[in-house]
Amino acid sequence: MSDSIITKKAIAVSLKDLMKKKSLAKITVSDIVKNCNLNRQTFYYHFKDKYDLLHWIISNEVARALSRSTGEKDWGAAMLEALNTIKREKAFYIGSLSVDCQSVFFDDLFDVVREMLLRNVDQLSESAFNGRSLAPADRQFIAEFYAYGLVGMIIQWVKGGMKEPPEEIVERLTWFVDDSKFASSARYLKDRTKGD
């Protein structure tokens, strides 16, 4: 592991530790570096500000887990890994949904979930509809629709204190997404090919 990654991880651990005690809004860069015995220059060498650090943590923990999905067969396993990561770092992720940083959490999660679902929709249309594919705009629409739903449910789960086990959340999401995604794709292809 490079020195840069080690330093970034130390800064990330410091922020997580501080967020167990107070909100991100009340944490300064000085607090973060003091907590991990680094200086401000080191922080600013790696991150623009505390929101950039927040983005880096979410990208390297949750988004990385979700980006491992290769399509419709394993998206549930990737989602389970991401939710387990969120649950392990409960105080941090609940804190990351505060008013001043909720958009960072949402945007990072939305982007990676949309990409995961695009791969999923591509594989579904190839395997279930004899290689006929959806138009790019329709693929994007379907992936974004489900991404908003998935990310919204994850945010509600986090805000609710993560009472349900991650396995239960993934099971519910899988039923909903797999069944309805197949039906909506099939209907789209049926409607689009009536005149062919």
N, C-alpha and C. Protein backbone atom coordinates (compact mmCIF):
# COMPACT_ATOMS: atom_id res chain seq x y z
N MET A 1 0.84 -1.17 0.00
CA MET A 1 0.00 0.00 0.00
C MET A 1 0.89 1.24 0.00
N SER A 2 0.56 2.19 -0.86
CA SER A 2 1.39 3.40 -0.97
C SER A 2 1.23 4.28 0.27
N ASP A 3 2.25 5.14 0.47
CA ASP A 3 2.20 6.08 1.59
C ASP A 3 0.99 7.01 1.49
N SER A 4 0.65 7.39 0.26
CA SER A 4 -0.48 8.28 0.06
C SER A 4 -1.78 7.62 0.54
N ILE A 5 -1.97 6.36 0.20
CA ILE A 5 -3.19 5.64 0.63
C ILE A 5 -3.19 5.48 2.15
N ILE A 6 -2.07 5.16 2.72
CA ILE A 6 -1.97 5.01 4.18
C ILE A 6 -2.36 6.32 4.86
N THR A 7 -1.86 7.43 4.34
CA THR A 7 -2.17 8.75 4.92
C THR A 7 -3.65 9.05 4.75
N LYS A 8 -4.20 8.81 3.57
CA LYS A 8 -5.62 9.06 3.35
C LYS A 8 -6.48 8.23 4.30
N LYS A 9 -6.10 6.98 4.49
CA LYS A 9 -6.86 6.11 5.39
C LYS A 9 -6.77 6.61 6.84
N ALA A 10 -5.61 7.10 7.24
CA ALA A 10 -5.45 7.64 8.60
C ALA A 10 -6.35 8.87 8.79
N ILE A 11 -6.42 9.72 7.78
CA ILE A 11 -7.27 10.90 7.85
C ILE A 11 -8.74 10.47 7.88
N ALA A 12 -9.09 9.47 7.10
CA ALA A 12 -10.47 8.96 7.08
C ALA A 12 -10.86 8.38 8.43
N VAL A 13 -9.97 7.61 9.03
CA VAL A 13 -10.25 7.04 10.35
C VAL A 13 -10.44 8.16 11.37
N SER A 14 -9.66 9.19 11.26
CA SER A 14 -9.77 10.33 12.17
C SER A 14 -11.15 10.97 12.05
N LEU A 15 -11.60 11.21 10.83
CA LEU A 15 -12.93 11.80 10.63
C LEU A 15 -14.01 10.89 11.20
N LYS A 16 -13.92 9.61 10.92
CA LYS A 16 -14.93 8.66 11.43
C LYS A 16 -14.96 8.67 12.96
N ASP A 17 -13.78 8.71 13.54
CA ASP A 17 -13.70 8.74 15.00
C ASP A 17 -14.37 10.01 15.55
N LEU A 18 -14.11 11.14 14.94
CA LEU A 18 -14.70 12.40 15.38
C LEU A 18 -16.22 12.42 15.18
N MET A 19 -16.69 11.78 14.11
CA MET A 19 -18.13 11.77 13.84
C MET A 19 -18.91 10.89 14.81
N LYS A 20 -18.22 10.12 15.62
CA LYS A 20 -18.90 9.37 16.68
C LYS A 20 -19.29 10.31 17.82
N LYS A 21 -18.63 11.48 17.85
CA LYS A 21 -18.83 12.42 18.96
C LYS A 21 -19.60 13.68 18.55
N LYS A 22 -19.45 14.10 17.28
CA LYS A 22 -20.14 15.32 16.85
C LYS A 22 -20.40 15.30 15.36
N SER A 23 -21.25 16.20 14.92
CA SER A 23 -21.64 16.24 13.51
C SER A 23 -20.51 16.78 12.64
N LEU A 24 -20.59 16.45 11.37
CA LEU A 24 -19.58 16.92 10.42
C LEU A 24 -19.54 18.44 10.38
N ALA A 25 -20.69 19.08 10.52
CA ALA A 25 -20.74 20.55 10.50
C ALA A 25 -19.87 21.16 11.58
N LYS A 26 -19.71 20.48 12.69
CA LYS A 26 -18.94 21.00 13.82
C LYS A 26 -17.48 20.54 13.81
N ILE A 27 -17.12 19.73 12.84
CA ILE A 27 -15.74 19.22 12.75
C ILE A 27 -14.96 20.08 11.77
N THR A 28 -13.79 20.52 12.19
CA THR A 28 -12.93 21.32 11.32
C THR A 28 -11.77 20.47 10.80
N VAL A 29 -11.11 20.98 9.79
CA VAL A 29 -9.91 20.30 9.29
C VAL A 29 -8.88 20.22 10.41
N SER A 30 -8.79 21.27 11.20
CA SER A 30 -7.85 21.26 12.33
C SER A 30 -8.16 20.12 13.30
N ASP A 31 -9.45 19.88 13.56
CA ASP A 31 -9.85 18.76 14.43
C ASP A 31 -9.39 17.44 13.84
N ILE A 32 -9.60 17.29 12.54
CA ILE A 32 -9.27 16.02 11.86
C ILE A 32 -7.78 15.74 11.95
N VAL A 33 -6.95 16.74 11.62
CA VAL A 33 -5.51 16.48 11.60
C VAL A 33 -4.94 16.35 13.01
N LYS A 34 -5.48 17.10 13.94
CA LYS A 34 -5.02 16.98 15.33
C LYS A 34 -5.30 15.58 15.86
N ASN A 35 -6.46 15.04 15.50
CA ASN A 35 -6.88 13.72 15.97
C ASN A 35 -5.99 12.59 15.43
N CYS A 36 -5.33 12.82 14.31
CA CYS A 36 -4.46 11.76 13.75
C CYS A 36 -3.00 12.18 13.68
N ASN A 37 -2.65 13.24 14.40
CA ASN A 37 -1.26 13.71 14.51
C ASN A 37 -0.61 14.02 13.16
N LEU A 38 -1.38 14.70 12.31
CA LEU A 38 -0.85 15.18 11.04
C LEU A 38 -0.99 16.69 11.02
N ASN A 39 -0.48 17.31 9.98
CA ASN A 39 -0.63 18.75 9.88
C ASN A 39 -1.60 19.12 8.75
N ARG A 40 -2.04 20.36 8.76
CA ARG A 40 -3.03 20.81 7.78
C ARG A 40 -2.51 20.69 6.35
N GLN A 41 -1.23 20.93 6.14
CA GLN A 41 -0.65 20.82 4.80
C GLN A 41 -0.82 19.40 4.26
N THR A 42 -0.62 18.43 5.12
CA THR A 42 -0.78 17.04 4.70
C THR A 42 -2.23 16.78 4.29
N PHE A 43 -3.17 17.28 5.09
CA PHE A 43 -4.59 17.12 4.74
C PHE A 43 -4.86 17.73 3.36
N TYR A 44 -4.43 18.97 3.16
CA TYR A 44 -4.73 19.67 1.91
C TYR A 44 -3.94 19.13 0.73
N TYR A 45 -2.90 18.40 0.97
CA TYR A 45 -2.19 17.72 -0.11
C TYR A 45 -3.08 16.62 -0.69
N HIS A 46 -3.90 15.99 0.16
CA HIS A 46 -4.73 14.86 -0.26
C HIS A 46 -6.18 15.22 -0.54
N PHE A 47 -6.72 16.21 0.15
CA PHE A 47 -8.14 16.55 0.02
C PHE A 47 -8.33 18.06 -0.04
N LYS A 48 -9.36 18.48 -0.80
CA LYS A 48 -9.68 19.91 -0.90
C LYS A 48 -10.28 20.44 0.40
N ASP A 49 -11.18 19.63 0.98
CA ASP A 49 -11.88 20.01 2.20
C ASP A 49 -12.48 18.76 2.83
N LYS A 50 -13.24 18.91 3.90
CA LYS A 50 -13.79 17.75 4.59
C LYS A 50 -14.84 17.04 3.74
N TYR A 51 -15.49 17.74 2.83
CA TYR A 51 -16.48 17.11 1.95
C TYR A 51 -15.80 16.25 0.89
N ASP A 52 -14.64 16.68 0.45
CA ASP A 52 -13.85 15.87 -0.47
C ASP A 52 -13.40 14.58 0.23
N LEU A 53 -13.04 14.70 1.49
CA LEU A 53 -12.69 13.52 2.30
C LEU A 53 -13.90 12.60 2.43
N LEU A 54 -15.05 13.17 2.71
CA LEU A 54 -16.28 12.37 2.82
C LEU A 54 -16.53 11.62 1.52
N HIS A 55 -16.41 12.32 0.41
CA HIS A 55 -16.58 11.70 -0.91
C HIS A 55 -15.58 10.55 -1.10
N TRP A 56 -14.34 10.76 -0.72
CA TRP A 56 -13.32 9.72 -0.87
C TRP A 56 -13.67 8.47 -0.04
N ILE A 57 -14.15 8.67 1.17
CA ILE A 57 -14.52 7.54 2.03
C ILE A 57 -15.67 6.75 1.41
N ILE A 58 -16.71 7.45 1.02
CA ILE A 58 -17.87 6.77 0.42
C ILE A 58 -17.47 6.05 -0.85
N SER A 59 -16.66 6.69 -1.67
CA SER A 59 -16.20 6.07 -2.93
C SER A 59 -15.37 4.83 -2.68
N ASN A 60 -14.53 4.87 -1.66
CA ASN A 60 -13.64 3.75 -1.40
C ASN A 60 -14.26 2.64 -0.57
N GLU A 61 -15.38 2.89 0.04
CA GLU A 61 -16.03 1.85 0.83
C GLU A 61 -17.29 1.33 0.14
N VAL A 62 -18.27 2.17 0.02
CA VAL A 62 -19.56 1.73 -0.51
C VAL A 62 -19.55 1.61 -2.03
N ALA A 63 -19.10 2.67 -2.69
CA ALA A 63 -19.10 2.65 -4.16
C ALA A 63 -18.21 1.55 -4.71
N ARG A 64 -17.07 1.33 -4.10
CA ARG A 64 -16.17 0.27 -4.57
C ARG A 64 -16.85 -1.10 -4.47
N ALA A 65 -17.56 -1.36 -3.38
CA ALA A 65 -18.28 -2.64 -3.23
C ALA A 65 -19.32 -2.80 -4.33
N LEU A 66 -20.08 -1.74 -4.60
CA LEU A 66 -21.12 -1.82 -5.62
C LEU A 66 -20.55 -1.92 -7.03
N SER A 67 -19.41 -1.31 -7.27
CA SER A 67 -18.83 -1.35 -8.61
C SER A 67 -18.28 -2.73 -8.96
N ARG A 68 -18.18 -3.60 -7.98
CA ARG A 68 -17.70 -4.97 -8.25
C ARG A 68 -18.76 -5.82 -8.95
N SER A 69 -20.00 -5.37 -8.93
CA SER A 69 -21.07 -6.12 -9.59
C SER A 69 -20.83 -6.13 -11.09
N THR A 70 -20.94 -7.30 -11.67
CA THR A 70 -20.77 -7.40 -13.12
C THR A 70 -22.09 -7.48 -13.86
N GLY A 71 -23.19 -7.51 -13.13
CA GLY A 71 -24.49 -7.54 -13.80
C GLY A 71 -25.58 -8.16 -12.97
N GLU A 72 -26.58 -8.68 -13.67
CA GLU A 72 -27.80 -9.11 -13.00
C GLU A 72 -27.61 -10.28 -12.06
N LYS A 73 -26.60 -11.09 -12.24
CA LYS A 73 -26.43 -12.28 -11.40
C LYS A 73 -25.85 -11.98 -10.03
N ASP A 74 -25.05 -10.93 -9.91
CA ASP A 74 -24.36 -10.71 -8.63
C ASP A 74 -24.59 -9.33 -8.00
N TRP A 75 -25.54 -8.57 -8.51
CA TRP A 75 -25.74 -7.24 -7.94
C TRP A 75 -26.19 -7.32 -6.48
N GLY A 76 -26.94 -8.35 -6.12
CA GLY A 76 -27.38 -8.50 -4.74
C GLY A 76 -26.21 -8.71 -3.79
N ALA A 77 -25.22 -9.50 -4.22
CA ALA A 77 -24.03 -9.73 -3.39
C ALA A 77 -23.24 -8.44 -3.21
N ALA A 78 -23.15 -7.65 -4.28
CA ALA A 78 -22.44 -6.36 -4.18
C ALA A 78 -23.20 -5.41 -3.26
N MET A 79 -24.52 -5.40 -3.36
CA MET A 79 -25.34 -4.55 -2.50
C MET A 79 -25.20 -4.97 -1.04
N LEU A 80 -25.17 -6.27 -0.79
CA LEU A 80 -25.02 -6.77 0.58
C LEU A 80 -23.67 -6.34 1.16
N GLU A 81 -22.62 -6.43 0.37
CA GLU A 81 -21.29 -5.98 0.84
C GLU A 81 -21.33 -4.49 1.19
N ALA A 82 -21.98 -3.69 0.34
CA ALA A 82 -22.07 -2.25 0.59
C ALA A 82 -22.86 -1.96 1.86
N LEU A 83 -24.00 -2.63 2.05
CA LEU A 83 -24.81 -2.39 3.25
C LEU A 83 -24.12 -2.87 4.52
N ASN A 84 -23.38 -3.97 4.43
CA ASN A 84 -22.61 -4.42 5.59
C ASN A 84 -21.53 -3.40 5.96
N THR A 85 -20.91 -2.80 4.96
CA THR A 85 -19.92 -1.75 5.20
C THR A 85 -20.57 -0.56 5.90
N ILE A 86 -21.72 -0.15 5.41
CA ILE A 86 -22.44 0.97 6.02
C ILE A 86 -22.80 0.65 7.46
N LYS A 87 -23.28 -0.56 7.70
CA LYS A 87 -23.69 -0.93 9.06
C LYS A 87 -22.50 -0.98 10.02
N ARG A 88 -21.35 -1.47 9.53
CA ARG A 88 -20.14 -1.52 10.38
C ARG A 88 -19.71 -0.13 10.83
N GLU A 89 -19.91 0.83 9.98
CA GLU A 89 -19.52 2.22 10.25
C GLU A 89 -20.76 3.08 10.49
N LYS A 90 -21.66 2.56 11.29
CA LYS A 90 -22.99 3.15 11.50
C LYS A 90 -22.95 4.64 11.84
N ALA A 91 -22.18 5.04 12.81
CA ALA A 91 -22.15 6.45 13.24
C ALA A 91 -21.71 7.35 12.09
N PHE A 92 -20.71 6.92 11.35
CA PHE A 92 -20.21 7.72 10.24
C PHE A 92 -21.27 7.90 9.17
N TYR A 93 -21.92 6.81 8.75
CA TYR A 93 -22.89 6.91 7.66
C TYR A 93 -24.17 7.62 8.08
N ILE A 94 -24.59 7.45 9.31
CA ILE A 94 -25.73 8.24 9.77
C ILE A 94 -25.34 9.71 9.76
N GLY A 95 -24.15 10.03 10.23
CA GLY A 95 -23.65 11.40 10.21
C GLY A 95 -23.49 11.96 8.81
N SER A 96 -23.18 11.09 7.85
CA SER A 96 -22.99 11.57 6.48
C SER A 96 -24.30 11.94 5.81
N LEU A 97 -25.40 11.64 6.48
CA LEU A 97 -26.71 12.02 5.95
C LEU A 97 -27.24 13.29 6.61
N SER A 98 -26.37 14.00 7.31
CA SER A 98 -26.80 15.27 7.89
C SER A 98 -27.08 16.25 6.75
N VAL A 99 -27.78 17.30 7.06
CA VAL A 99 -28.21 18.26 6.06
C VAL A 99 -27.06 18.79 5.22
N ASP A 100 -25.92 19.06 5.84
CA ASP A 100 -24.82 19.69 5.11
C ASP A 100 -24.04 18.74 4.22
N CYS A 101 -24.27 17.44 4.31
CA CYS A 101 -23.49 16.54 3.45
C CYS A 101 -24.32 15.41 2.84
N GLN A 102 -25.64 15.46 2.97
CA GLN A 102 -26.48 14.40 2.42
C GLN A 102 -26.32 14.27 0.91
N SER A 103 -26.13 15.39 0.22
CA SER A 103 -26.02 15.31 -1.24
C SER A 103 -24.76 14.57 -1.66
N VAL A 104 -23.68 14.67 -0.90
CA VAL A 104 -22.46 13.92 -1.23
C VAL A 104 -22.75 12.42 -1.17
N PHE A 105 -23.39 11.99 -0.10
CA PHE A 105 -23.74 10.57 0.06
C PHE A 105 -24.66 10.14 -1.07
N PHE A 106 -25.73 10.90 -1.32
CA PHE A 106 -26.69 10.53 -2.35
C PHE A 106 -26.04 10.48 -3.72
N ASP A 107 -25.31 11.53 -4.10
CA ASP A 107 -24.72 11.60 -5.44
C ASP A 107 -23.73 10.46 -5.68
N ASP A 108 -22.86 10.20 -4.71
CA ASP A 108 -21.88 9.12 -4.88
C ASP A 108 -22.56 7.77 -5.03
N LEU A 109 -23.54 7.53 -4.18
CA LEU A 109 -24.25 6.26 -4.21
C LEU A 109 -25.08 6.13 -5.48
N PHE A 110 -25.76 7.20 -5.86
CA PHE A 110 -26.61 7.18 -7.06
C PHE A 110 -25.79 6.84 -8.30
N ASP A 111 -24.66 7.50 -8.48
CA ASP A 111 -23.85 7.27 -9.68
C ASP A 111 -23.43 5.82 -9.82
N VAL A 112 -22.98 5.22 -8.74
CA VAL A 112 -22.48 3.84 -8.84
C VAL A 112 -23.64 2.84 -8.97
N VAL A 113 -24.76 3.11 -8.32
CA VAL A 113 -25.93 2.22 -8.44
C VAL A 113 -26.48 2.30 -9.87
N ARG A 114 -26.54 3.49 -10.45
CA ARG A 114 -27.01 3.62 -11.83
C ARG A 114 -26.12 2.81 -12.79
N GLU A 115 -24.82 2.92 -12.63
CA GLU A 115 -23.91 2.16 -13.50
C GLU A 115 -24.09 0.66 -13.31
N MET A 116 -24.27 0.23 -12.08
CA MET A 116 -24.50 -1.19 -11.80
C MET A 116 -25.78 -1.65 -12.50
N LEU A 117 -26.83 -0.85 -12.42
CA LEU A 117 -28.11 -1.21 -13.02
C LEU A 117 -28.06 -1.15 -14.55
N LEU A 118 -27.27 -0.26 -15.10
CA LEU A 118 -27.11 -0.24 -16.56
C LEU A 118 -26.52 -1.56 -17.05
N ARG A 119 -25.52 -2.06 -16.35
CA ARG A 119 -24.95 -3.37 -16.71
C ARG A 119 -26.01 -4.46 -16.59
N ASN A 120 -26.80 -4.34 -15.54
CA ASN A 120 -27.86 -5.30 -15.27
C ASN A 120 -28.91 -5.29 -16.39
N VAL A 121 -29.36 -4.11 -16.80
CA VAL A 121 -30.37 -3.98 -17.85
C VAL A 121 -29.81 -4.50 -19.18
N ASP A 122 -28.55 -4.22 -19.48
CA ASP A 122 -27.94 -4.73 -20.71
C ASP A 122 -27.95 -6.25 -20.74
N GLN A 123 -27.54 -6.87 -19.66
CA GLN A 123 -27.52 -8.33 -19.61
C GLN A 123 -28.93 -8.91 -19.69
N LEU A 124 -29.87 -8.28 -19.04
CA LEU A 124 -31.25 -8.74 -19.06
C LEU A 124 -31.80 -8.72 -20.47
N SER A 125 -31.61 -7.63 -21.17
CA SER A 125 -32.17 -7.53 -22.51
C SER A 125 -31.50 -8.51 -23.47
N GLU A 126 -30.20 -8.73 -23.31
CA GLU A 126 -29.51 -9.69 -24.17
C GLU A 126 -29.98 -11.11 -23.93
N SER A 127 -30.12 -11.49 -22.66
CA SER A 127 -30.47 -12.87 -22.36
C SER A 127 -31.96 -13.16 -22.50
N ALA A 128 -32.81 -12.22 -22.18
CA ALA A 128 -34.25 -12.50 -22.15
C ALA A 128 -34.97 -12.15 -23.44
N PHE A 129 -34.38 -11.32 -24.27
CA PHE A 129 -35.11 -10.84 -25.44
C PHE A 129 -34.35 -11.08 -26.73
N ASN A 130 -33.73 -12.24 -26.83
CA ASN A 130 -33.06 -12.68 -28.06
C ASN A 130 -32.12 -11.63 -28.64
N GLY A 131 -31.37 -10.98 -27.79
CA GLY A 131 -30.36 -10.04 -28.24
C GLY A 131 -30.88 -8.68 -28.62
N ARG A 132 -32.21 -8.49 -28.63
CA ARG A 132 -32.74 -7.15 -28.92
C ARG A 132 -32.40 -6.26 -27.73
N SER A 133 -31.97 -5.09 -28.02
CA SER A 133 -31.56 -4.22 -26.91
C SER A 133 -32.44 -2.98 -26.83
N LEU A 134 -32.43 -2.39 -25.68
CA LEU A 134 -33.17 -1.16 -25.45
C LEU A 134 -32.41 0.01 -26.05
N ALA A 135 -33.15 1.02 -26.43
CA ALA A 135 -32.51 2.25 -26.92
C ALA A 135 -31.72 2.86 -25.78
N PRO A 136 -30.59 3.53 -26.07
CA PRO A 136 -29.77 4.10 -25.00
C PRO A 136 -30.54 5.00 -24.03
N ALA A 137 -31.43 5.84 -24.55
CA ALA A 137 -32.19 6.73 -23.65
C ALA A 137 -33.11 5.93 -22.73
N ASP A 138 -33.66 4.84 -23.24
CA ASP A 138 -34.54 4.01 -22.42
C ASP A 138 -33.76 3.21 -21.39
N ARG A 139 -32.59 2.73 -21.77
CA ARG A 139 -31.71 2.04 -20.81
C ARG A 139 -31.40 2.98 -19.65
N GLN A 140 -31.02 4.20 -20.00
CA GLN A 140 -30.67 5.20 -19.00
C GLN A 140 -31.87 5.50 -18.09
N PHE A 141 -33.05 5.64 -18.70
CA PHE A 141 -34.25 5.95 -17.92
C PHE A 141 -34.55 4.83 -16.92
N ILE A 142 -34.52 3.59 -17.37
CA ILE A 142 -34.80 2.45 -16.49
C ILE A 142 -33.78 2.38 -15.36
N ALA A 143 -32.50 2.52 -15.69
CA ALA A 143 -31.44 2.45 -14.67
C ALA A 143 -31.58 3.58 -13.66
N GLU A 144 -31.88 4.79 -14.12
CA GLU A 144 -32.03 5.92 -13.21
C GLU A 144 -33.27 5.78 -12.33
N PHE A 145 -34.35 5.28 -12.90
CA PHE A 145 -35.57 5.08 -12.12
C PHE A 145 -35.30 4.14 -10.95
N TYR A 146 -34.69 3.01 -11.24
CA TYR A 146 -34.41 2.04 -10.17
C TYR A 146 -33.31 2.51 -9.23
N ALA A 147 -32.36 3.28 -9.76
CA ALA A 147 -31.30 3.81 -8.89
C ALA A 147 -31.89 4.76 -7.85
N TYR A 148 -32.81 5.63 -8.28
CA TYR A 148 -33.46 6.53 -7.31
C TYR A 148 -34.17 5.72 -6.24
N GLY A 149 -34.87 4.67 -6.64
CA GLY A 149 -35.57 3.83 -5.66
C GLY A 149 -34.63 3.13 -4.71
N LEU A 150 -33.59 2.51 -5.25
CA LEU A 150 -32.63 1.78 -4.40
C LEU A 150 -31.91 2.71 -3.43
N VAL A 151 -31.42 3.82 -3.95
CA VAL A 151 -30.69 4.76 -3.10
C VAL A 151 -31.63 5.36 -2.06
N GLY A 152 -32.85 5.67 -2.46
CA GLY A 152 -33.82 6.19 -1.51
C GLY A 152 -34.10 5.22 -0.38
N MET A 153 -34.22 3.93 -0.71
CA MET A 153 -34.47 2.92 0.32
C MET A 153 -33.25 2.75 1.23
N ILE A 154 -32.06 2.82 0.67
CA ILE A 154 -30.85 2.72 1.49
C ILE A 154 -30.77 3.90 2.45
N ILE A 155 -31.07 5.09 1.94
CA ILE A 155 -31.03 6.28 2.80
C ILE A 155 -32.06 6.16 3.92
N GLN A 156 -33.26 5.69 3.61
CA GLN A 156 -34.28 5.52 4.65
C GLN A 156 -33.83 4.49 5.69
N TRP A 157 -33.19 3.43 5.24
CA TRP A 157 -32.68 2.41 6.14
C TRP A 157 -31.63 3.00 7.09
N VAL A 158 -30.72 3.80 6.53
CA VAL A 158 -29.68 4.43 7.35
C VAL A 158 -30.31 5.42 8.32
N LYS A 159 -31.19 6.29 7.83
CA LYS A 159 -31.84 7.28 8.69
C LYS A 159 -32.66 6.62 9.80
N GLY A 160 -33.20 5.44 9.52
CA GLY A 160 -34.01 4.72 10.49
C GLY A 160 -33.18 3.96 11.51
N GLY A 161 -31.87 4.09 11.44
CA GLY A 161 -31.00 3.45 12.42
C GLY A 161 -30.55 2.04 12.04
N MET A 162 -30.81 1.64 10.79
CA MET A 162 -30.34 0.33 10.29
C MET A 162 -30.84 -0.82 11.15
N LYS A 163 -32.10 -0.79 11.51
CA LYS A 163 -32.65 -1.81 12.40
C LYS A 163 -32.75 -3.18 11.72
N GLU A 164 -33.13 -3.20 10.44
CA GLU A 164 -33.24 -4.47 9.72
C GLU A 164 -31.84 -4.93 9.31
N PRO A 165 -31.61 -6.23 9.33
CA PRO A 165 -30.30 -6.73 8.87
C PRO A 165 -30.10 -6.43 7.38
N PRO A 166 -28.87 -6.17 6.97
CA PRO A 166 -28.61 -5.92 5.55
C PRO A 166 -29.16 -7.01 4.63
N GLU A 167 -29.09 -8.27 5.08
CA GLU A 167 -29.58 -9.38 4.25
C GLU A 167 -31.07 -9.21 3.94
N GLU A 168 -31.83 -8.75 4.91
CA GLU A 168 -33.27 -8.55 4.72
C GLU A 168 -33.53 -7.42 3.72
N ILE A 169 -32.79 -6.36 3.83
CA ILE A 169 -32.94 -5.23 2.90
C ILE A 169 -32.61 -5.67 1.48
N VAL A 170 -31.51 -6.39 1.32
CA VAL A 170 -31.11 -6.84 -0.02
C VAL A 170 -32.15 -7.80 -0.59
N GLU A 171 -32.67 -8.68 0.23
CA GLU A 171 -33.69 -9.62 -0.25
C GLU A 171 -34.91 -8.87 -0.76
N ARG A 172 -35.37 -7.88 -0.02
CA ARG A 172 -36.52 -7.08 -0.45
C ARG A 172 -36.22 -6.33 -1.74
N LEU A 173 -35.06 -5.71 -1.80
CA LEU A 173 -34.68 -4.97 -3.00
C LEU A 173 -34.58 -5.89 -4.21
N THR A 174 -34.05 -7.06 -4.00
CA THR A 174 -33.90 -8.03 -5.09
C THR A 174 -35.25 -8.43 -5.66
N TRP A 175 -36.19 -8.76 -4.79
CA TRP A 175 -37.54 -9.13 -5.28
C TRP A 175 -38.11 -8.01 -6.14
N PHE A 176 -38.07 -6.82 -5.60
CA PHE A 176 -38.68 -5.69 -6.29
C PHE A 176 -37.97 -5.39 -7.62
N VAL A 177 -36.68 -5.22 -7.56
CA VAL A 177 -35.94 -4.81 -8.75
C VAL A 177 -35.95 -5.88 -9.82
N ASP A 178 -35.64 -7.11 -9.48
CA ASP A 178 -35.57 -8.15 -10.50
C ASP A 178 -36.92 -8.37 -11.18
N ASP A 179 -37.99 -8.47 -10.41
CA ASP A 179 -39.30 -8.72 -11.01
C ASP A 179 -39.79 -7.54 -11.84
N SER A 180 -39.73 -6.35 -11.31
CA SER A 180 -40.27 -5.21 -12.03
C SER A 180 -39.38 -4.77 -13.18
N LYS A 181 -38.09 -4.95 -13.06
CA LYS A 181 -37.17 -4.58 -14.15
C LYS A 181 -37.43 -5.46 -15.37
N PHE A 182 -37.62 -6.75 -15.12
CA PHE A 182 -37.90 -7.67 -16.21
C PHE A 182 -39.21 -7.29 -16.89
N ALA A 183 -40.25 -7.03 -16.09
CA ALA A 183 -41.56 -6.69 -16.65
C ALA A 183 -41.52 -5.40 -17.45
N SER A 184 -40.85 -4.38 -16.94
CA SER A 184 -40.82 -3.10 -17.65
C SER A 184 -39.99 -3.20 -18.94
N SER A 185 -38.91 -3.96 -18.91
CA SER A 185 -38.11 -4.14 -20.13
C SER A 185 -38.89 -4.91 -21.18
N ALA A 186 -39.61 -5.95 -20.74
CA ALA A 186 -40.40 -6.76 -21.67
C ALA A 186 -41.50 -5.92 -22.30
N ARG A 187 -42.17 -5.12 -21.49
CA ARG A 187 -43.24 -4.26 -22.01
C ARG A 187 -42.69 -3.27 -23.01
N TYR A 188 -41.55 -2.68 -22.68
CA TYR A 188 -40.92 -1.72 -23.59
C TYR A 188 -40.65 -2.38 -24.93
N LEU A 189 -40.02 -3.54 -24.93
CA LEU A 189 -39.68 -4.21 -26.19
C LEU A 189 -40.92 -4.62 -26.96
N LYS A 190 -41.95 -5.05 -26.27
CA LYS A 190 -43.20 -5.43 -26.91
C LYS A 190 -43.82 -4.21 -27.60
N ASP A 191 -43.89 -3.10 -26.87
CA ASP A 191 -44.48 -1.89 -27.43
C ASP A 191 -43.66 -1.33 -28.59
N ARG A 192 -42.36 -1.40 -28.48
CA ARG A 192 -41.49 -0.83 -29.51
C ARG A 192 -41.44 -1.68 -30.78
N THR A 193 -41.77 -2.96 -30.69
CA THR A 193 -41.63 -3.84 -31.85
C THR A 193 -42.99 -4.25 -32.45
N LYS A 194 -44.09 -3.61 -32.03
CA LYS A 194 -45.42 -3.97 -32.55
C LYS A 194 -45.49 -3.83 -34.07
N GLY A 195 -44.90 -2.78 -34.59
CA GLY A 195 -44.99 -2.54 -36.03
C GLY A 195 -43.96 -3.28 -36.86
N ASP A 196 -43.04 -3.99 -36.22
CA ASP A 196 -41.94 -4.65 -36.97
C ASP A 196 -42.41 -5.90 -37.67
